[in-house]
Amino acid sequence: MNAPTTEKLIVLSSGGTGGHVFPAQALAQELATRGFRLALVTDRRGETYGPTPIGSSADEATADSPLADLDTYFIKAAGVSGRGPVAKLVAVSKLIVGYFQARRLLRDLSPAVVVGFGGYPTVPTLLAASHLGIKTVIHEQNAVLGRANRLLAPKATRIATAFKTTTYLRDSDRARNIWTGNPVRAAIAALHSLAYPTIDANGPIHLLIVGSSQGASIFGDVAPNALAALPDELRARIRVVQQCRAEDLERVRRVYATAGIDADLRTFFDDIPARIQAAHLLICRAGASTIAEITTAGRPAILTPYPHAIDDHQTVNAARLCDSGGAWMIPNADFNKETLLARLTSLFSMPTTIATAARCAAQLGVPEAASRLADVVAGVTRGDGKLTQTSERRALA
C-alpha cells in the first residue's frame, strides 16, 4: 500500500561518488515510504547515479538506483581542490553559474528542506537554499568533515554525521550536529541481527577481499602471494572470494591454483551481502560505505586506506574502527606480502581474536541509520527544535 503523501517536497543533492550517493539513495527510499515528494539536484554526473557499496563500482550498479526515478534537475558544478590556477578559475565560474541556476530552480520548487550529502555539486544548491531562507540538512559520511560540508555547515539547519566524532566539525556547529550513522541498503542492514559464523578448529576460513579499481589492483598484487605463503595446514583451510581487475584475473587465478587455494575471483559481485554474511574476515579499503557495511554486518577487517583520499579521510575512518577493536590497519605503503602474511598468520592462529573483533565492529554498526536520518529531515520540515523522542534517545545512545 502506498504511503499517503505529505505534499511536502524534499530536495536531495549529492556528489557523484558512491560514498555520497548511497546514503542519498537510502534516505530517498525511507522518505518515500513516509509520503514525502522528492527531487534531485545534481550535475551531469548524476545521470549515472548508482550505488557503489562494497565490491561494486559506479558504472556497474546503476539500474536499481531509487534516485533514477526522481525528478532530476541538472546544474553547473566543478571541483576546485587539486587543480591548477586556470582550472580553478573555470571551476569557480561553473559553481557561480550553478548557484544562480539552483537559486532559480529552488524558487520554483519551493521545497521544505534541501538535503546535501557532500561533494562539489551540493555547494551551489545548498548555498542557494540558505540564501533563500530554505532549511538545509547536510550529512557527512566520513570521520572527517568533507570540504564541501565544511563550507556549508555554518548555515545548515542540521548536521548529520556517520561517526560520533567528526574531525573539522567546528565547536560553533556542534549544537546542530546529530549522530545518525551512515545509511546502508536493506540487505546489509538485515545482516546486523545474524550471528557471526564460527571458525571451527579445522574447518574452512572464509576470506573476502574487495575493492574498487582503487583497491583491487594492490590487493591482487599482494594478497594471493601472501596467502600462498601460509603454512600448509592453514593454507588448506582458506576459502577466498576476491574482486579483481579484469586484466589481473588470470594472473591471480594462477597464483591461487598453484598454491592449492580455493578461490572465487570476479570483477564484480552482485550478491555481496551473501558474501559478507559468509565471511570470517575482510581485506578492503576504508571508504565511508565500506565502513558502514562491515560495521552493520559485524565483520572484522584488515583495512588498507586509499592513500590519495582527500584529507586522508580513509585513514581516519579506519582508525575509528581500529580504535574500537573491530579492525586492523595496514597503510598502503606497508601493504606487502611479508606484512600481510604476518598479520594473517597471527589472526588465523587466534580465531577467538577475530570473533571478538567481529563483536566490536558490530557495536559501531547503525542498521537503522536511514530511519534516523529521515527522522532528522522530517523534524526539520516540522520546524522541530530537536529530534523526536525516539530518535534522540538512539542518537545519544
Protein backbone atom coordinates (compact mmCIF):
# COMPACT_ATOMS: atom_id res chain seq x y z
CA MET A 1 0.00 0.00 0.00
CA ASN A 2 1.37 3.42 -0.91
CA ALA A 3 2.05 5.83 1.93
CA PRO A 4 -0.20 8.90 1.95
CA THR A 5 1.61 11.92 0.56
CA THR A 6 2.52 14.73 2.93
CA GLU A 7 2.66 17.10 -0.05
CA LYS A 8 6.00 18.34 1.31
CA LEU A 9 8.87 18.35 -1.15
CA ILE A 10 12.39 17.33 -0.12
CA VAL A 11 15.23 18.18 -2.50
CA LEU A 12 18.31 15.93 -2.36
CA SER A 13 21.73 16.99 -3.60
CA SER A 14 24.76 14.73 -3.83
CA GLY A 15 28.21 14.42 -5.31
CA GLY A 16 28.82 11.68 -7.84
CA THR A 17 30.93 9.18 -5.86
CA GLY A 18 29.41 6.15 -4.21
CA GLY A 19 30.15 7.35 -0.69
CA HIS A 20 27.87 10.34 -1.31
CA VAL A 21 25.29 8.61 -3.48
CA PHE A 22 24.48 5.55 -1.44
CA PRO A 23 23.15 7.31 1.69
CA ALA A 24 21.14 9.59 -0.60
CA GLN A 25 19.52 6.52 -2.12
CA ALA A 26 18.76 5.01 1.26
CA LEU A 27 17.23 8.26 2.51
CA ALA A 28 15.16 8.63 -0.66
CA GLN A 29 13.67 5.18 -0.10
CA GLU A 30 12.87 5.92 3.54
CA LEU A 31 11.35 9.35 2.88
CA ALA A 32 9.24 7.97 0.03
CA THR A 33 7.68 5.42 2.39
CA ARG A 34 6.75 8.33 4.66
CA GLY A 35 4.89 10.10 1.87
CA PHE A 36 7.30 12.90 1.02
CA ARG A 37 7.70 14.13 -2.53
CA LEU A 38 11.32 14.04 -3.68
CA ALA A 39 13.51 15.70 -6.28
CA LEU A 40 17.23 15.52 -7.05
CA VAL A 41 19.52 18.40 -7.98
CA THR A 42 22.96 17.42 -9.26
CA ASP A 43 25.44 17.98 -12.07
CA ARG A 44 25.66 15.86 -15.19
CA ARG A 45 27.47 13.04 -13.39
CA GLY A 46 24.14 12.33 -11.71
CA GLU A 47 22.87 10.77 -14.91
CA THR A 48 24.73 7.60 -13.91
CA TYR A 49 23.91 7.62 -10.21
CA GLY A 50 24.01 4.19 -8.72
CA PRO A 51 25.19 2.52 -5.51
CA THR A 52 28.87 1.79 -5.02
CA PRO A 53 28.93 -0.22 -1.83
CA ILE A 54 31.45 -2.98 -1.14
CA GLY A 55 32.55 -4.84 -4.24
CA SER A 56 30.92 -2.62 -6.85
CA SER A 57 31.71 0.42 -8.92
CA ALA A 58 29.76 3.46 -10.00
CA ASP A 59 29.36 2.15 -13.53
CA GLU A 60 28.35 -1.39 -12.56
CA ALA A 61 25.33 -0.82 -10.33
CA THR A 62 23.01 1.90 -11.63
CA ALA A 63 19.89 0.13 -12.80
CA ASP A 64 18.09 -0.16 -9.47
CA SER A 65 19.02 3.25 -8.05
CA PRO A 66 15.99 4.82 -6.33
CA LEU A 67 17.40 8.19 -7.38
CA ALA A 68 16.80 7.27 -11.02
CA ASP A 69 13.04 7.58 -10.52
CA LEU A 70 13.14 11.09 -9.05
CA ASP A 71 12.50 14.34 -10.86
CA THR A 72 16.08 15.35 -11.58
CA TYR A 73 17.46 18.81 -12.31
CA PHE A 74 20.99 19.50 -13.53
CA ILE A 75 23.15 22.49 -12.66
CA LYS A 76 26.72 23.51 -13.41
CA ALA A 77 29.34 22.44 -10.87
CA ALA A 78 33.02 21.53 -10.71
CA GLY A 79 35.62 20.59 -8.14
CA VAL A 80 38.26 23.10 -7.11
CA SER A 81 40.71 21.09 -4.97
CA GLY A 82 43.90 19.85 -6.59
CA ARG A 83 43.57 21.94 -9.75
CA GLY A 84 45.89 24.46 -11.35
CA PRO A 85 45.11 28.20 -11.37
CA VAL A 86 43.30 28.20 -14.73
CA ALA A 87 41.30 25.07 -13.94
CA LYS A 88 40.34 26.52 -10.55
CA LEU A 89 39.10 29.70 -12.21
CA VAL A 90 36.98 27.64 -14.62
CA ALA A 91 35.63 25.54 -11.74
CA VAL A 92 34.72 28.61 -9.68
CA SER A 93 32.96 30.08 -12.71
CA LYS A 94 30.90 26.92 -13.07
CA LEU A 95 29.99 26.97 -9.38
CA ILE A 96 28.81 30.58 -9.69
CA VAL A 97 26.65 29.70 -12.69
CA GLY A 98 25.35 26.67 -10.79
CA TYR A 99 24.46 28.84 -7.81
CA PHE A 100 22.18 31.08 -9.90
CA GLN A 101 20.70 28.04 -11.66
CA ALA A 102 19.94 26.44 -8.29
CA ARG A 103 18.53 29.69 -6.90
CA ARG A 104 16.02 29.99 -9.75
CA LEU A 105 15.14 26.31 -9.50
CA LEU A 106 14.58 26.33 -5.74
CA ARG A 107 12.38 29.41 -6.02
CA ASP A 108 10.17 27.47 -8.44
CA LEU A 109 10.18 24.21 -6.48
CA SER A 110 9.79 25.79 -3.02
CA PRO A 111 11.00 22.70 -1.08
CA ALA A 112 10.51 22.27 2.66
CA VAL A 113 14.13 21.13 3.10
CA VAL A 114 17.22 20.66 0.95
CA VAL A 115 19.46 17.75 2.00
CA GLY A 116 23.11 17.62 0.90
CA PHE A 117 25.45 14.61 1.01
CA GLY A 118 28.75 16.28 0.23
CA GLY A 119 30.69 16.66 -2.97
CA TYR A 120 31.06 19.82 -5.01
CA PRO A 121 27.63 19.63 -6.77
CA THR A 122 26.00 20.25 -3.39
CA VAL A 123 27.69 23.61 -2.85
CA PRO A 124 25.68 25.78 -5.27
CA THR A 125 22.39 24.14 -4.31
CA LEU A 126 22.73 24.36 -0.55
CA LEU A 127 24.19 27.86 -0.60
CA ALA A 128 21.26 28.98 -2.73
CA ALA A 129 18.83 27.29 -0.35
CA SER A 130 20.37 29.01 2.67
CA HIS A 131 20.27 32.41 0.97
CA LEU A 132 16.60 31.87 0.10
CA GLY A 133 15.75 31.01 3.70
CA ILE A 134 15.11 27.32 2.93
CA LYS A 135 16.11 24.91 5.70
CA THR A 136 19.04 22.62 4.96
CA VAL A 137 20.42 19.35 6.31
CA ILE A 138 23.88 18.07 5.46
CA HIS A 139 25.06 14.50 6.01
CA GLU A 140 28.74 13.63 6.41
CA GLN A 141 29.65 10.01 5.70
CA ASN A 142 33.32 10.09 6.72
CA ALA A 143 35.06 10.67 10.03
CA VAL A 144 36.47 13.87 8.51
CA LEU A 145 34.05 16.63 7.54
CA GLY A 146 34.45 16.99 3.78
CA ARG A 147 35.45 20.28 2.23
CA ALA A 148 32.02 20.96 0.71
CA ASN A 149 30.31 20.20 4.02
CA ARG A 150 32.86 22.35 5.87
CA LEU A 151 31.78 25.28 3.73
CA LEU A 152 28.09 24.53 4.15
CA ALA A 153 27.99 23.59 7.85
CA PRO A 154 27.76 27.11 9.36
CA LYS A 155 24.46 27.78 7.59
CA ALA A 156 22.98 24.27 7.88
CA THR A 157 19.88 23.75 10.00
CA ARG A 158 21.10 20.27 10.94
CA ILE A 159 24.42 18.47 10.51
CA ALA A 160 24.04 14.67 10.50
CA THR A 161 27.17 12.55 10.84
CA ALA A 162 28.06 8.90 10.33
CA PHE A 163 30.62 8.88 13.14
CA LYS A 164 30.10 10.05 16.70
CA THR A 165 33.26 12.13 16.44
CA THR A 166 33.92 14.05 13.23
CA THR A 167 37.16 15.90 12.55
CA TYR A 168 36.92 19.54 11.39
CA LEU A 169 33.43 19.99 12.83
CA ARG A 170 33.59 23.44 14.42
CA ASP A 171 32.63 23.95 18.04
CA SER A 172 30.08 26.52 16.86
CA ASP A 173 28.37 23.87 14.72
CA ARG A 174 28.18 21.08 17.30
CA ALA A 175 24.87 22.24 18.76
CA ARG A 176 23.26 21.42 15.40
CA ASN A 177 25.07 18.11 14.99
CA ILE A 178 23.17 14.82 15.23
CA TRP A 179 24.87 11.42 15.03
CA THR A 180 22.71 9.24 12.76
CA GLY A 181 25.15 6.72 11.34
CA ASN A 182 25.63 6.12 7.63
CA PRO A 183 22.63 4.53 5.84
CA VAL A 184 23.17 1.15 4.17
CA ARG A 185 20.97 -0.89 1.86
CA ALA A 186 18.34 -3.13 3.42
CA ALA A 187 20.14 -6.38 2.54
CA ILE A 188 23.17 -5.25 4.55
CA ALA A 189 21.10 -3.91 7.45
CA ALA A 190 19.48 -7.35 7.73
CA LEU A 191 22.89 -8.90 8.49
CA HIS A 192 23.15 -6.99 11.77
CA SER A 193 20.87 -9.43 13.57
CA LEU A 194 22.62 -12.56 12.25
CA ALA A 195 25.31 -14.37 14.22
CA TYR A 196 28.95 -14.23 13.19
CA PRO A 197 29.94 -17.60 11.66
CA THR A 198 32.05 -19.75 13.95
CA ILE A 199 35.61 -20.63 12.88
CA ASP A 200 35.93 -24.33 13.67
CA ALA A 201 39.30 -25.67 14.75
CA ASN A 202 39.97 -27.48 11.48
CA GLY A 203 37.20 -26.00 9.37
CA PRO A 204 37.35 -23.58 6.44
CA ILE A 205 38.24 -19.91 6.93
CA HIS A 206 36.30 -17.62 4.59
CA LEU A 207 38.19 -14.54 3.45
CA LEU A 208 36.54 -11.76 1.40
CA ILE A 209 38.87 -9.38 -0.45
CA VAL A 210 37.14 -6.46 -2.16
CA GLY A 211 37.94 -3.04 -3.51
CA SER A 212 37.04 -0.76 -6.38
CA SER A 213 39.61 -0.04 -9.09
CA GLN A 214 41.43 1.98 -6.41
CA GLY A 215 41.84 -1.11 -4.25
CA ALA A 216 41.59 -4.20 -6.40
CA SER A 217 44.99 -3.71 -8.05
CA ILE A 218 47.12 -3.71 -4.90
CA PHE A 219 45.02 -6.48 -3.36
CA GLY A 220 45.51 -8.57 -6.50
CA ASP A 221 49.26 -7.99 -6.36
CA VAL A 222 49.77 -8.72 -2.66
CA ALA A 223 47.05 -10.94 -1.20
CA PRO A 224 47.48 -14.05 -3.43
CA ASN A 225 51.23 -14.23 -2.76
CA ALA A 226 50.76 -13.72 0.99
CA LEU A 227 48.09 -16.43 1.20
CA ALA A 228 50.20 -18.79 -0.89
CA ALA A 229 52.99 -18.43 1.68
CA LEU A 230 50.83 -19.53 4.65
CA PRO A 231 51.80 -22.79 6.39
CA ASP A 232 50.43 -25.83 4.54
CA GLU A 233 47.81 -26.83 7.13
CA LEU A 234 46.48 -23.28 7.36
CA ARG A 235 46.57 -22.62 3.63
CA ALA A 236 44.43 -25.71 3.02
CA ARG A 237 41.62 -24.18 5.11
CA ILE A 238 41.45 -20.86 3.25
CA ARG A 239 38.45 -20.11 1.03
CA VAL A 240 38.94 -16.85 -0.86
CA VAL A 241 36.36 -14.65 -2.54
CA GLN A 242 38.18 -11.79 -4.26
CA GLN A 243 37.36 -8.88 -6.52
CA CYS A 244 40.00 -8.40 -9.20
CA ARG A 245 40.56 -6.04 -12.06
CA ALA A 246 39.78 -7.72 -15.38
CA GLU A 247 43.41 -7.54 -16.52
CA ASP A 248 44.55 -9.27 -13.32
CA LEU A 249 42.07 -12.14 -13.19
CA GLU A 250 44.09 -14.84 -14.94
CA ARG A 251 47.34 -13.97 -13.18
CA VAL A 252 45.70 -14.04 -9.74
CA ARG A 253 43.85 -17.25 -10.59
CA ARG A 254 47.14 -18.97 -11.48
CA VAL A 255 48.74 -17.98 -8.15
CA TYR A 256 45.84 -19.42 -6.17
CA ALA A 257 45.66 -22.57 -8.30
CA THR A 258 49.39 -23.23 -7.89
CA ALA A 259 49.05 -22.79 -4.12
CA GLY A 260 46.02 -25.12 -4.00
CA ILE A 261 43.77 -22.40 -2.58
CA ASP A 262 40.04 -22.49 -3.28
CA ALA A 263 39.33 -19.06 -4.82
CA ASP A 264 36.26 -17.45 -6.41
CA LEU A 265 37.54 -14.48 -8.43
CA ARG A 266 35.37 -11.93 -10.24
CA THR A 267 35.48 -8.32 -11.34
CA PHE A 268 32.11 -7.64 -9.69
CA PHE A 269 29.86 -9.43 -7.20
CA ASP A 270 26.11 -8.92 -7.47
CA ASP A 271 25.49 -10.93 -4.28
CA ILE A 272 27.85 -9.12 -1.95
CA PRO A 273 25.51 -9.21 1.10
CA ALA A 274 25.61 -13.02 1.00
CA ARG A 275 29.40 -12.92 0.58
CA ILE A 276 29.76 -10.65 3.61
CA GLN A 277 27.45 -12.90 5.62
CA ALA A 278 29.70 -15.92 4.92
CA ALA A 279 32.97 -14.09 5.54
CA HIS A 280 35.07 -14.51 8.67
CA LEU A 281 37.40 -11.66 7.69
CA LEU A 282 37.61 -8.97 5.01
CA ILE A 283 40.53 -7.20 3.37
CA CYS A 284 39.36 -3.89 1.93
CA ARG A 285 39.74 -0.12 1.67
CA ALA A 286 38.25 2.20 4.29
CA GLY A 287 35.76 4.32 2.37
CA ALA A 288 32.59 5.54 4.08
CA SER A 289 30.24 2.97 2.53
CA THR A 290 32.69 0.13 3.20
CA ILE A 291 33.00 1.05 6.88
CA ALA A 292 29.22 1.39 7.19
CA GLU A 293 28.60 -2.01 5.62
CA ILE A 294 31.16 -4.03 7.56
CA THR A 295 30.16 -2.50 10.90
CA THR A 296 26.48 -3.01 10.22
CA ALA A 297 27.18 -6.63 9.27
CA GLY A 298 29.57 -7.05 12.21
CA ARG A 299 32.56 -8.30 10.25
CA PRO A 300 36.21 -7.69 11.20
CA ALA A 301 38.58 -6.41 8.56
CA ILE A 302 42.13 -5.67 7.60
CA LEU A 303 41.85 -2.12 6.28
CA THR A 304 44.24 -0.53 3.80
CA PRO A 305 43.13 3.10 3.35
CA TYR A 306 43.35 4.64 -0.11
CA PRO A 307 46.37 6.93 0.27
CA HIS A 308 45.16 9.68 -2.06
CA ALA A 309 41.76 10.30 -0.44
CA ILE A 310 41.16 14.00 0.22
CA ASP A 311 42.34 14.97 3.71
CA ASP A 312 43.38 11.32 4.12
CA HIS A 313 39.85 10.66 5.37
CA GLN A 314 40.07 6.89 4.79
CA THR A 315 42.89 6.63 7.33
CA VAL A 316 40.74 8.47 9.89
CA ASN A 317 37.78 6.21 9.06
CA ALA A 318 39.96 3.15 9.57
CA ALA A 319 41.40 4.50 12.81
CA ARG A 320 37.91 4.89 14.28
CA LEU A 321 37.16 1.21 13.64
CA CYS A 322 40.61 0.02 14.76
CA ASP A 323 40.36 2.02 17.98
CA SER A 324 37.11 0.19 18.76
CA GLY A 325 38.84 -3.18 18.30
CA GLY A 326 36.92 -4.08 15.15
CA ALA A 327 39.72 -3.96 12.57
CA TRP A 328 43.46 -3.85 11.90
CA MET A 329 45.06 -1.26 9.66
CA ILE A 330 47.92 -1.78 7.23
CA PRO A 331 48.84 1.51 5.50
CA ASN A 332 49.06 1.34 1.73
CA ALA A 333 52.84 1.89 1.80
CA ASP A 334 53.24 -1.09 4.15
CA PHE A 335 50.80 -3.41 2.41
CA ASN A 336 53.15 -6.06 1.06
CA LYS A 337 53.48 -9.84 1.11
CA GLU A 338 55.51 -10.01 4.30
CA THR A 339 53.33 -7.64 6.33
CA LEU A 340 50.06 -9.22 5.25
CA LEU A 341 51.42 -12.75 5.75
CA ALA A 342 52.47 -11.92 9.32
CA ARG A 343 49.08 -10.37 10.12
CA LEU A 344 47.07 -13.25 8.63
CA THR A 345 49.20 -15.93 10.28
CA SER A 346 48.72 -14.26 13.64
CA LEU A 347 44.96 -13.76 13.25
CA PHE A 348 44.21 -17.22 11.85
CA SER A 349 46.04 -18.79 14.78
CA MET A 350 43.74 -16.91 17.18
CA PRO A 351 40.15 -17.36 15.94
CA THR A 352 38.75 -16.01 19.21
CA THR A 353 40.50 -12.72 18.48
CA ILE A 354 38.76 -12.48 15.12
CA ALA A 355 35.39 -13.30 16.69
CA THR A 356 35.93 -10.62 19.35
CA ALA A 357 36.77 -8.10 16.64
CA ALA A 358 33.52 -9.02 14.88
CA ARG A 359 31.57 -8.13 18.02
CA CYS A 360 33.46 -4.86 18.34
CA ALA A 361 32.73 -3.96 14.73
CA ALA A 362 29.03 -4.71 15.20
CA GLN A 363 28.88 -2.32 18.16
CA LEU A 364 29.69 0.51 15.75
CA GLY A 365 27.06 -0.55 13.20
CA VAL A 366 23.87 1.50 12.84
CA PRO A 367 21.40 -0.61 10.83
CA GLU A 368 18.63 1.95 11.37
CA ALA A 369 20.71 4.89 10.07
CA ALA A 370 18.36 5.62 7.15
CA SER A 371 15.41 5.87 9.52
CA ARG A 372 17.35 8.07 11.92
CA LEU A 373 18.41 10.41 9.13
CA ALA A 374 14.83 10.54 7.85
CA ASP A 375 13.71 11.45 11.38
CA VAL A 376 16.10 14.41 11.32
CA VAL A 377 14.83 15.60 7.94
CA ALA A 378 11.18 15.11 8.89
CA GLY A 379 11.77 17.00 12.14
CA VAL A 380 13.23 19.94 10.21
CA THR A 381 10.18 20.05 7.92
CA ARG A 382 8.00 20.34 11.04
CA GLY A 383 10.21 23.04 12.50
CA ASP A 384 11.14 20.88 15.48
CA GLY A 385 13.84 22.31 17.66
CA LYS A 386 15.24 18.84 18.20
CA LEU A 387 14.78 15.23 17.15
CA THR A 388 11.73 13.22 18.05
CA GLN A 389 11.94 11.47 21.43
CA THR A 390 12.72 8.04 19.97
CA SER A 391 15.38 9.24 17.56
CA GLU A 392 17.01 11.46 20.15
CA ARG A 393 17.50 8.53 22.51
CA ARG A 394 19.05 6.48 19.73
CA ALA A 395 21.31 9.31 18.58
CA LEU A 396 22.68 9.80 22.07
CA ALA A 397 22.98 6.08 22.89
